[in-house]
Protein backbone atom coordinates (compact mmCIF):
# COMPACT_ATOMS: atom_id res chain seq x y z
CA UNK A 1 68.88 134.44 67.46
CA UNK A 2 69.22 133.84 63.71
CA UNK A 3 71.19 136.16 61.45
CA UNK A 4 69.23 139.10 60.08
CA UNK A 5 69.22 139.81 56.34
CA UNK A 6 68.79 143.44 55.32
CA UNK A 7 67.12 144.50 52.07
CA UNK A 8 67.65 148.10 51.02
CA UNK A 9 64.91 149.60 48.88
CA UNK A 10 66.26 153.14 48.40
CA UNK A 11 66.29 152.71 44.64
CA UNK A 12 62.75 151.26 44.46
CA UNK A 13 60.50 152.54 47.28
CA UNK A 14 62.71 155.62 47.48
CA UNK A 15 62.03 156.19 43.79
CA UNK A 16 58.64 157.63 44.77
CA UNK A 17 60.46 160.55 46.41
CA UNK A 18 62.17 161.54 43.16
CA UNK A 19 59.11 160.85 40.98
CA UNK A 20 60.89 157.76 39.59
CA UNK A 21 63.72 159.88 38.16
CA UNK A 22 66.82 157.99 39.32
CA UNK A 23 69.12 157.62 36.32
CA UNK A 24 71.68 154.87 35.62
CA UNK A 25 74.58 156.91 37.02
CA UNK A 26 72.62 157.59 40.23
CA UNK A 27 71.94 153.88 40.48
CA UNK A 28 75.58 152.91 39.99
CA UNK A 29 76.73 155.34 42.68
CA UNK A 30 74.19 154.21 45.27
CA UNK A 31 74.39 150.50 44.49
CA UNK A 32 78.19 150.58 44.73
CA UNK A 33 77.98 152.16 48.19
CA UNK A 34 75.31 149.75 49.44
CA UNK A 35 77.21 146.76 48.08
CA UNK A 36 80.40 147.92 49.81
CA UNK A 37 78.44 148.35 53.06
CA UNK A 38 77.46 144.67 53.09
CA UNK A 39 73.73 145.03 52.43
CA UNK A 40 72.32 141.60 51.60
CA UNK A 41 69.72 142.53 48.96
CA UNK A 42 69.49 145.76 46.94
CA UNK A 43 66.15 146.47 45.30
CA UNK A 44 65.92 148.77 42.26
CA UNK A 45 63.33 149.93 39.76
CA UNK A 46 60.14 151.94 39.49
CA UNK A 47 58.44 152.60 42.82
CA UNK A 48 55.36 150.65 41.72
CA UNK A 49 57.36 147.68 40.55
CA UNK A 50 58.72 146.27 37.32
CA UNK A 51 57.30 148.13 34.28
CA UNK A 52 55.32 150.41 36.61
CA UNK A 53 56.31 153.41 34.49
CA UNK A 54 52.93 154.49 33.08
CA UNK A 55 50.37 157.27 33.06
CA UNK A 56 48.70 155.52 35.98
CA UNK A 57 51.71 155.38 38.32
CA UNK A 58 54.03 158.02 36.87
CA UNK A 59 56.57 157.81 34.10
CA UNK A 60 60.25 157.25 34.81
CA UNK A 61 63.01 158.79 32.71
CA UNK A 62 64.58 155.35 32.20
CA UNK A 63 63.17 151.87 31.84
CA UNK A 64 63.48 149.39 34.66
CA UNK A 65 65.68 147.29 32.39
CA UNK A 66 68.15 150.16 31.96
CA UNK A 67 68.19 150.61 35.74
CA UNK A 68 68.75 146.87 36.31
CA UNK A 69 71.60 146.78 33.81
CA UNK A 70 73.27 149.77 35.49
CA UNK A 71 73.00 148.12 38.91
CA UNK A 72 74.12 144.74 37.59
CA UNK A 73 77.23 146.28 36.03
CA UNK A 74 78.49 147.51 39.41
CA UNK A 75 77.19 145.05 42.03
CA UNK A 76 79.68 142.49 43.38
CA UNK A 77 78.32 140.78 46.48
CA UNK A 78 74.69 141.70 47.18
CA UNK A 79 71.67 140.10 45.57
CA UNK A 80 70.02 142.40 43.02
CA UNK A 81 66.22 142.48 43.26
CA UNK A 82 63.17 144.08 41.70
CA UNK A 83 59.57 144.19 42.87
CA UNK A 84 56.89 142.76 40.59
CA UNK A 85 53.15 143.25 41.08
CA UNK A 86 51.16 140.77 38.98
CA UNK A 87 48.94 142.74 36.65
CA UNK A 88 51.59 145.45 36.29
CA UNK A 89 54.59 143.22 35.58
CA UNK A 90 54.30 140.03 33.52
CA UNK A 91 56.23 136.78 33.35
CA UNK A 92 57.82 138.05 30.14
CA UNK A 93 58.98 141.17 32.02
CA UNK A 94 60.41 138.89 34.70
CA UNK A 95 62.36 136.92 32.11
CA UNK A 96 63.79 140.11 30.64
CA UNK A 97 64.75 141.37 34.10
CA UNK A 98 66.59 138.10 34.70
CA UNK A 99 68.47 138.58 31.40
CA UNK A 100 69.40 142.11 32.53
CA UNK A 101 70.96 140.83 35.76
CA UNK A 102 68.55 140.41 38.67
CA UNK A 103 69.24 137.54 41.06
CA UNK A 104 66.17 138.03 43.29
CA UNK A 105 62.54 138.94 42.80
CA UNK A 106 59.86 140.14 45.21
CA UNK A 107 56.36 139.21 44.04
CA UNK A 108 53.89 141.60 45.66
CA UNK A 109 50.12 141.27 46.03
CA UNK A 110 47.42 142.74 48.23
CA UNK A 111 47.32 140.84 51.50
CA UNK A 112 44.15 138.94 50.52
CA UNK A 113 45.17 138.15 46.94
CA UNK A 114 48.17 135.82 47.19
CA UNK A 115 46.64 133.47 44.65
CA UNK A 116 47.50 135.87 41.80
CA UNK A 117 51.20 135.38 42.58
CA UNK A 118 51.29 131.64 41.82
CA UNK A 119 52.41 131.84 38.20
CA UNK A 120 55.07 134.48 38.87
CA UNK A 121 56.54 132.77 41.94
CA UNK A 122 56.72 129.41 40.21
CA UNK A 123 58.30 130.90 37.11
CA UNK A 124 60.82 132.85 39.21
CA UNK A 125 61.85 129.67 41.01
CA UNK A 126 62.14 127.84 37.68
CA UNK A 127 64.56 130.58 36.58
CA UNK A 128 66.68 130.08 39.70
CA UNK A 129 65.83 133.42 41.30
CA UNK A 130 65.73 133.99 45.05
CA UNK A 131 62.00 134.57 45.39
CA UNK A 132 60.15 136.60 48.02
CA UNK A 133 56.39 136.69 48.54
CA UNK A 134 55.38 140.22 49.53
CA UNK A 135 51.95 140.62 51.14
CA UNK A 136 51.10 144.34 51.02
CA UNK A 137 48.74 146.35 53.25
CA UNK A 138 49.02 143.66 55.91
CA UNK A 139 47.23 145.84 58.47
CA UNK A 140 43.98 145.19 56.56
CA UNK A 141 43.90 141.45 57.30
CA UNK A 142 43.38 139.62 60.56
CA UNK A 143 46.00 137.14 61.69
CA UNK A 144 44.16 134.07 60.38
CA UNK A 145 43.73 135.57 56.90
CA UNK A 146 47.36 136.74 56.78
CA UNK A 147 48.62 133.26 57.68
CA UNK A 148 46.41 131.57 55.09
CA UNK A 149 47.57 133.93 52.34
CA UNK A 150 51.21 133.53 53.37
CA UNK A 151 50.83 129.75 53.23
CA UNK A 152 49.74 130.08 49.61
CA UNK A 153 52.92 131.94 48.71
CA UNK A 154 54.96 129.34 50.57
CA UNK A 155 53.19 126.55 48.66
CA UNK A 156 54.02 128.22 45.33
CA UNK A 157 57.71 128.09 46.25
CA UNK A 158 58.55 131.43 47.87
CA UNK A 159 61.87 131.39 49.75
CA UNK A 160 60.68 134.11 52.15
CA UNK A 161 57.25 135.60 52.88
CA UNK A 162 56.81 139.22 54.01
CA UNK A 163 54.27 140.92 56.22
CA UNK A 164 54.32 144.38 54.61
CA UNK A 165 53.03 147.48 56.39
CA UNK A 166 52.48 149.48 53.20
CA UNK A 167 50.38 152.13 54.98
CA UNK A 168 52.65 152.57 57.99
CA UNK A 169 49.54 151.85 60.06
CA UNK A 170 50.70 149.05 62.34
CA UNK A 171 51.78 149.36 65.95
CA UNK A 172 54.51 147.17 67.44
CA UNK A 173 51.89 144.99 69.16
CA UNK A 174 50.28 144.30 65.77
CA UNK A 175 53.63 143.50 64.18
CA UNK A 176 54.53 141.16 67.01
CA UNK A 177 51.20 139.35 66.77
CA UNK A 178 51.31 138.88 63.00
CA UNK A 179 54.98 138.00 62.66
CA UNK A 180 54.73 135.50 65.54
CA UNK A 181 51.81 133.79 63.82
CA UNK A 182 53.67 133.60 60.51
CA UNK A 183 56.79 132.20 62.17
CA UNK A 184 54.70 129.60 63.97
CA UNK A 185 52.74 128.47 60.92
CA UNK A 186 55.22 128.68 58.04
CA UNK A 187 58.49 126.85 57.51
CA UNK A 188 60.15 129.54 55.35
CA UNK A 189 61.79 132.67 56.80
CA UNK A 190 59.55 135.68 57.48
CA UNK A 191 60.26 139.28 56.54
CA UNK A 192 58.90 142.71 57.44
CA UNK A 193 58.73 146.02 55.56
CA UNK A 194 57.77 149.15 57.52
CA UNK A 195 56.72 152.68 56.63
CA UNK A 196 57.29 155.51 59.06
CA UNK A 197 53.91 157.23 58.80
CA UNK A 198 53.34 156.91 62.56
CA UNK A 199 57.03 157.33 63.42
CA UNK A 200 57.23 153.63 64.31
CA UNK A 201 59.33 152.14 61.50
CA UNK A 202 62.34 151.32 63.67
CA UNK A 203 60.15 150.16 66.57
CA UNK A 204 58.10 147.94 64.27
CA UNK A 205 61.24 146.49 62.69
CA UNK A 206 62.56 145.61 66.15
CA UNK A 207 59.20 144.08 67.09
CA UNK A 208 59.37 141.98 63.92
CA UNK A 209 62.85 140.67 64.73
CA UNK A 210 61.92 139.93 68.33
CA UNK A 211 58.94 137.97 67.02
CA UNK A 212 61.17 135.90 64.73
CA UNK A 213 61.46 137.77 61.41
CA UNK A 214 64.88 137.42 59.81
CA UNK A 215 64.43 139.61 56.71
CA UNK A 216 64.02 143.34 57.34
CA UNK A 217 63.73 146.20 54.85
CA UNK A 218 65.17 149.69 55.02
CA UNK A 219 66.15 152.58 52.80
CA UNK A 220 68.97 155.07 53.15
CA UNK A 221 67.91 158.10 55.20
CA UNK A 222 64.44 156.50 55.32
CA UNK A 223 63.72 157.48 51.71
CA UNK A 224 60.39 156.08 50.53
CA UNK A 225 56.70 156.60 49.90
CA UNK A 226 54.67 158.50 52.48
CA UNK A 227 56.84 159.42 55.45
CA UNK A 228 59.43 156.96 54.18
CA UNK A 229 60.70 153.55 55.18
CA UNK A 230 62.76 152.31 58.07
CA UNK A 231 66.10 154.11 57.70
CA UNK A 232 68.76 151.54 56.83
CA UNK A 233 71.47 153.59 58.55
CA UNK A 234 69.46 153.75 61.79
CA UNK A 235 68.50 150.11 61.43
CA UNK A 236 72.12 148.98 61.33
CA UNK A 237 72.99 151.13 64.37
CA UNK A 238 70.07 149.77 66.38
CA UNK A 239 70.80 146.19 65.33
CA UNK A 240 74.37 146.66 66.56
CA UNK A 241 73.16 147.97 69.91
CA UNK A 242 70.75 145.04 70.18
CA UNK A 243 73.53 142.59 69.43
CA UNK A 244 71.79 141.11 66.38
CA UNK A 245 73.92 139.24 63.91
CA UNK A 246 74.03 140.82 60.44
CA UNK A 247 76.75 141.69 57.94
CA UNK A 248 76.21 145.41 57.28
CA UNK A 249 78.95 147.87 58.22
CA UNK A 250 77.58 150.87 60.13
CA UNK A 251 79.98 153.56 58.94
CA UNK A 252 79.83 152.38 55.33
CA UNK A 253 76.03 152.35 55.46
CA UNK A 254 76.06 155.90 56.83
CA UNK A 255 78.51 156.90 54.09
CA UNK A 256 76.15 155.45 51.49
CA UNK A 257 73.58 157.99 52.68
CA UNK A 258 75.93 160.92 53.13
CA UNK A 259 78.26 160.48 50.16
CA UNK A 260 76.10 158.65 47.61
CA UNK A 261 72.38 159.25 48.15
CA UNK A 262 72.25 162.81 49.49
CA UNK A 263 74.36 164.37 46.68
CA UNK A 264 72.08 162.62 44.16
CA UNK A 265 68.98 164.04 45.88
CA UNK A 266 70.44 167.52 46.15
CA UNK A 267 71.29 167.49 42.44
CA UNK A 268 67.56 166.92 41.87
CA UNK A 269 66.62 169.83 44.14
CA UNK A 270 65.54 167.62 47.05
CA UNK A 271 66.68 168.62 50.52
CA UNK A 272 66.85 166.12 53.36
CA UNK A 273 66.87 166.56 57.12
CA UNK A 274 69.28 163.68 57.58
CA UNK A 275 71.86 164.27 60.31
CA UNK A 276 73.58 160.99 61.00
CA UNK A 277 76.02 162.59 63.44
CA UNK A 278 73.14 162.91 65.89
CA UNK A 279 72.40 159.22 65.44
CA UNK A 280 75.93 158.46 66.57
CA UNK A 281 75.30 160.37 69.79
CA UNK A 282 72.61 157.84 70.67
CA UNK A 283 74.59 154.92 69.31
CA UNK A 284 77.61 155.82 71.45
CA UNK A 285 75.69 157.04 74.51
CA UNK A 286 77.46 160.35 74.15
CA UNK A 287 76.15 163.57 75.76
CA UNK A 288 74.01 165.39 73.18
CA UNK A 289 75.67 168.79 73.78
CA UNK A 290 79.01 167.30 72.72
CA UNK A 291 78.00 167.40 69.04
CA UNK A 292 79.17 170.93 68.20
CA UNK A 293 82.41 170.52 70.18
CA UNK A 294 83.11 167.18 68.48
CA UNK A 295 82.44 168.67 65.05
CA UNK A 296 84.94 171.45 65.66
CA UNK A 297 87.54 169.02 67.01
CA UNK A 298 87.06 166.71 64.01
CA UNK A 299 87.75 169.60 61.63
CA UNK A 300 90.73 170.81 63.66
CA UNK A 301 92.46 167.43 63.88
CA UNK A 302 91.27 165.90 60.60
CA UNK A 303 89.53 162.90 62.17
CA UNK A 304 86.08 161.35 61.88
CA UNK A 305 83.50 162.92 64.20
CA UNK A 306 81.93 159.48 64.62
CA UNK A 307 85.12 158.12 66.14
CA UNK A 308 85.28 161.06 68.54
CA UNK A 309 81.70 160.58 69.73
CA UNK A 310 82.09 156.82 70.10
CA UNK A 311 85.23 157.30 72.17
CA UNK A 312 83.42 159.87 74.33
CA UNK A 313 80.83 157.18 74.98
CA UNK A 314 83.51 154.57 75.67
CA UNK A 315 85.11 156.89 78.23
CA UNK A 316 81.69 157.68 79.72
CA UNK A 317 82.28 161.42 79.37
CA UNK A 318 79.57 163.65 80.83
CA UNK A 319 78.58 167.32 80.59
CA UNK A 320 81.37 169.54 81.89
CA UNK A 321 84.09 167.37 80.35
CA UNK A 322 84.08 169.06 76.95
CA UNK A 323 87.85 169.60 77.17
CA UNK A 324 88.22 165.83 76.98
CA UNK A 325 86.94 165.98 73.39
CA UNK A 326 90.11 167.83 72.32
CA UNK A 327 92.27 165.17 73.93
CA UNK A 328 90.30 162.39 72.26
CA UNK A 329 90.55 164.05 68.84
CA UNK A 330 94.29 164.57 69.31
CA UNK A 331 94.76 160.93 70.29
CA UNK A 332 92.79 159.76 67.24
CA UNK A 333 94.87 162.00 64.97
CA UNK A 334 98.08 160.49 66.33
CA UNK A 335 96.78 156.97 65.72
CA UNK A 336 95.70 157.95 62.22
CA UNK A 337 99.09 159.43 61.37
CA UNK A 338 100.96 156.45 62.77
């Protein structure tokens, strides 16, 4: 199976959650954490795309260009992207975004309107940008129509074409059918962007990969419009369990949520239900009732609860062996101190 490339859209799709109020310092903090975690592409900007700040879509406190400059000043390894919807963003806006530091662009249209992306995709390629065609509301088109529209974006020069479930309406069987058709009929890589409105974002992302997609979107803690996007932290954990090749670091991705994103949200009065320790239970195959015991042991011995739970899974501990958690935590503390 080919390597999977992860795009994180916390600072673009997730911008809807904060009414487009991420500031440059927020952006620097979150971009730095995502970059350190090995995320391939980091998307920033107004939730409705480049220059989306308006009475129609909601005003941001800062321009997209200020946000791009903040991200560009801190990013080291990841590609820096924005979304552009023709009719909202112009070619002149694209040029200015390039001057501010983007290295990738995602040109988004309704699934039946790929033809309006031609000028923007061609201009982006002329500027040397990594260029993604982004077909939104893909559930509204049949397979034949989706393939024909995707071929247009490919013909304009797109490096990747996305099947985008903007409404979170697709089931895994639909994702598998549409991604398979795109992989079969296009020569460029195929991507998928999920929303969690039916609770299927992770399942649909897996279906996309199994059908041949190699570009998958997520956002930290699933932040995004509607019920949110595929959670990047969960995505990395599941990809690891599936044995997929990618370059994201699980713990660093989790830390990007816990130490970068969540404090930013809480400072804006937004509470999240994120509990990534419970994710590690599933990741490690560790007995669910071990969580409280592991948390106490982690505090007592000054070690990472994630390491405790993973070691419980490695040792195949079961209910009734809670005393083993103390031994594991003690062993980890000794290794840490040595």
